[in-house]
C-alpha atoms as a PDB file:
ATOM      1  CA  MET A   1      17.711 -20.703  -0.283  1.00  0.00           C
ATOM      2  CA  PHE A   2      15.506 -21.986  -3.202  1.00  0.00           C
ATOM      3  CA  ALA A   3      19.116 -23.859  -4.658  1.00  0.00           C
ATOM      4  CA  VAL A   4      20.258 -25.366  -1.221  1.00  0.00           C
ATOM      5  CA  GLY A   5      16.840 -26.224  -0.097  1.00  0.00           C
ATOM      6  CA  LEU A   6      16.343 -28.412  -4.015  1.00  0.00           C
ATOM      7  CA  VAL A   7      19.911 -30.038  -3.204  1.00  0.00           C
ATOM      8  CA  LEU A   8      18.474 -31.353   0.153  1.00  0.00           C
ATOM      9  CA  ALA A   9      15.112 -32.381  -1.185  1.00  0.00           C
ATOM     10  CA  PRO A  10      15.943 -35.488  -2.701  1.00  0.00           C
ATOM     11  CA  THR A  11      17.542 -36.811   0.895  1.00  0.00           C
ATOM     12  CA  PRO A  12      16.206 -39.066   2.980  1.00  0.00           C
ATOM     13  CA  ILE A  13      14.841 -36.566   5.559  1.00  0.00           C
ATOM     14  CA  PRO A  14      13.618 -33.809   2.686  1.00  0.00           C
ATOM     15  CA  PHE A  15      15.471 -31.612   4.964  1.00  0.00           C
ATOM     16  CA  GLY A  16      14.663 -29.078   1.410  1.00  0.00           C
ATOM     17  CA  VAL A  17      11.197 -29.042   1.160  1.00  0.00           C
ATOM     18  CA  PRO A  18      10.226 -26.523   4.139  1.00  0.00           C
ATOM     19  CA  LEU A  19      13.745 -24.642   3.089  1.00  0.00           C
ATOM     20  CA  MET A  20      11.699 -24.452  -0.482  1.00  0.00           C
ATOM     21  CA  ALA A  21       8.835 -23.082   0.415  1.00  0.00           C
ATOM     22  CA  LEU A  22      10.395 -20.805   2.782  1.00  0.00           C
ATOM     23  CA  ALA A  23      12.311 -19.344   0.342  1.00  0.00           C
ATOM     24  CA  ILE A  24       9.131 -18.769  -2.238  1.00  0.00           C
ATOM     25  CA  PHE A  25       7.247 -16.791   0.299  1.00  0.00           C
ATOM     26  CA  LEU A  26       9.922 -14.568   1.436  1.00  0.00           C
ATOM     27  CA  LEU A  27      10.035 -13.799  -2.888  1.00  0.00           C
ATOM     28  CA  VAL A  28       6.704 -13.477  -2.787  1.00  0.00           C
ATOM     29  CA  ALA A  29       6.536 -11.397   0.721  1.00  0.00           C
ATOM     30  CA  THR A  30       8.934  -9.001  -0.980  1.00  0.00           C
ATOM     31  CA  ASN A  31       8.883  -8.873  -4.755  1.00  0.00           C
ATOM     32  CA  PRO A  32       5.880  -7.766  -6.711  1.00  0.00           C
ATOM     33  CA  HIS A  33       7.303  -9.751  -9.896  1.00  0.00           C
ATOM     34  CA  ALA A  34       7.704 -13.020  -8.004  1.00  0.00           C
ATOM     35  CA  ALA A  35       4.486 -13.040  -6.880  1.00  0.00           C
ATOM     36  CA  ARG A  36       2.706 -12.007  -9.831  1.00  0.00           C
ATOM     37  CA  ARG A  37       4.561 -15.259 -11.608  1.00  0.00           C
ATOM     38  CA  VAL A  38       3.613 -17.114  -8.603  1.00  0.00           C
ATOM     39  CA  GLN A  39      -0.366 -16.019  -9.898  1.00  0.00           C
ATOM     40  CA  VAL A  40       0.736 -17.196 -13.135  1.00  0.00           C
ATOM     41  CA  LEU A  41       1.376 -20.812 -12.101  1.00  0.00           C
ATOM     42  CA  ARG A  42      -1.476 -21.597 -10.084  1.00  0.00           C
ATOM     43  CA  GLY A  43      -3.701 -20.306 -13.076  1.00  0.00           C
ATOM     44  CA  ARG A  44      -2.405 -22.433 -15.215  1.00  0.00           C
ATOM     45  CA  TYR A  45      -0.999 -25.857 -12.881  1.00  0.00           C
ATOM     46  CA  ARG A  46      -3.924 -26.592 -11.254  1.00  0.00           C
ATOM     47  CA  TRP A  47      -1.859 -29.163  -8.356  1.00  0.00           C
ATOM     48  CA  ILE A  48       0.338 -25.740  -7.809  1.00  0.00           C
ATOM     49  CA  HIS A  49      -2.762 -24.103  -7.059  1.00  0.00           C
ATOM     50  CA  LEU A  50      -4.423 -27.178  -4.878  1.00  0.00           C
ATOM     51  CA  ALA A  51      -0.676 -27.466  -2.509  1.00  0.00           C
ATOM     52  CA  MET A  52      -0.984 -23.238  -2.778  1.00  0.00           C
ATOM     53  CA  ASP A  53      -4.353 -23.442  -1.031  1.00  0.00           C
ATOM     54  CA  PHE A  54      -4.029 -26.667   1.293  1.00  0.00           C
ATOM     55  CA  VAL A  55      -1.010 -24.363   2.868  1.00  0.00           C
ATOM     56  CA  GLU A  56      -2.854 -21.235   2.929  1.00  0.00           C
ATOM     57  CA  GLN A  57      -5.085 -23.256   4.777  1.00  0.00           C
ATOM     58  CA  ARG A  58      -3.045 -24.073   7.815  1.00  0.00           C
ATOM     59  CA  ALA A  59      -0.890 -21.759   7.923  1.00  0.00           C
ATOM     60  CA  PRO A  60      -0.783 -18.660  10.251  1.00  0.00           C
ATOM     61  CA  SER A  61      -2.991 -15.909   9.233  1.00  0.00           C
ATOM     62  CA  ARG A  62       0.176 -13.697   8.103  1.00  0.00           C
ATOM     63  CA  ILE A  63       1.685 -15.976   5.396  1.00  0.00           C
ATOM     64  CA  ALA A  64      -2.270 -17.014   3.919  1.00  0.00           C
ATOM     65  CA  THR A  65      -2.424 -13.421   3.918  1.00  0.00           C
ATOM     66  CA  VAL A  66       0.243 -13.661   2.041  1.00  0.00           C
ATOM     67  CA  LEU A  67      -0.660 -16.181  -0.170  1.00  0.00           C
ATOM     68  CA  ARG A  68      -3.693 -15.557  -0.803  1.00  0.00           C
ATOM     69  CA  SER A  69      -2.697 -12.705  -2.790  1.00  0.00           C
ATOM     70  CA  THR A  70      -1.289 -15.114  -5.354  1.00  0.00           C
ATOM     71  CA  ARG A  71      -4.104 -16.271  -6.022  1.00  0.00           C
ATOM     72  CA  PRO A  72      -5.439 -16.656  -9.530  1.00  0.00           C
ATOM     73  CA  SER A  73      -7.931 -14.276 -10.761  1.00  0.00           C
ATOM     74  CA  GLU A  74     -11.310 -15.264 -11.128  1.00  0.00           C
ATOM     75  CA  GLY A  75     -11.615 -15.698 -15.103  1.00  0.00           C
ATOM     76  CA  ALA A  76      -8.476 -17.522 -15.017  1.00  0.00           C
ATOM     77  CA  ASP A  77      -8.734 -21.626 -16.129  1.00  0.00           C
ATOM     78  CA  GLN A  78      -7.503 -24.106 -13.088  1.00  0.00           C
END
């Protein structure tokens, strides 16, 4: 699903962006290794953390809860 979204992202109507977001959400919700990897990426790259935080604040509670679980540790550099 992510690969299809990646191919569709640069099209004039970027259908791929929501498709990639959905793929990441499904991976994080079902795979603990993927959730840890997203957590590391959020700690390492501030722009990823800010983008995920933006989605957290606007997403339905069930989705926001899953995304909150990938927040970097308090002591991590952001």
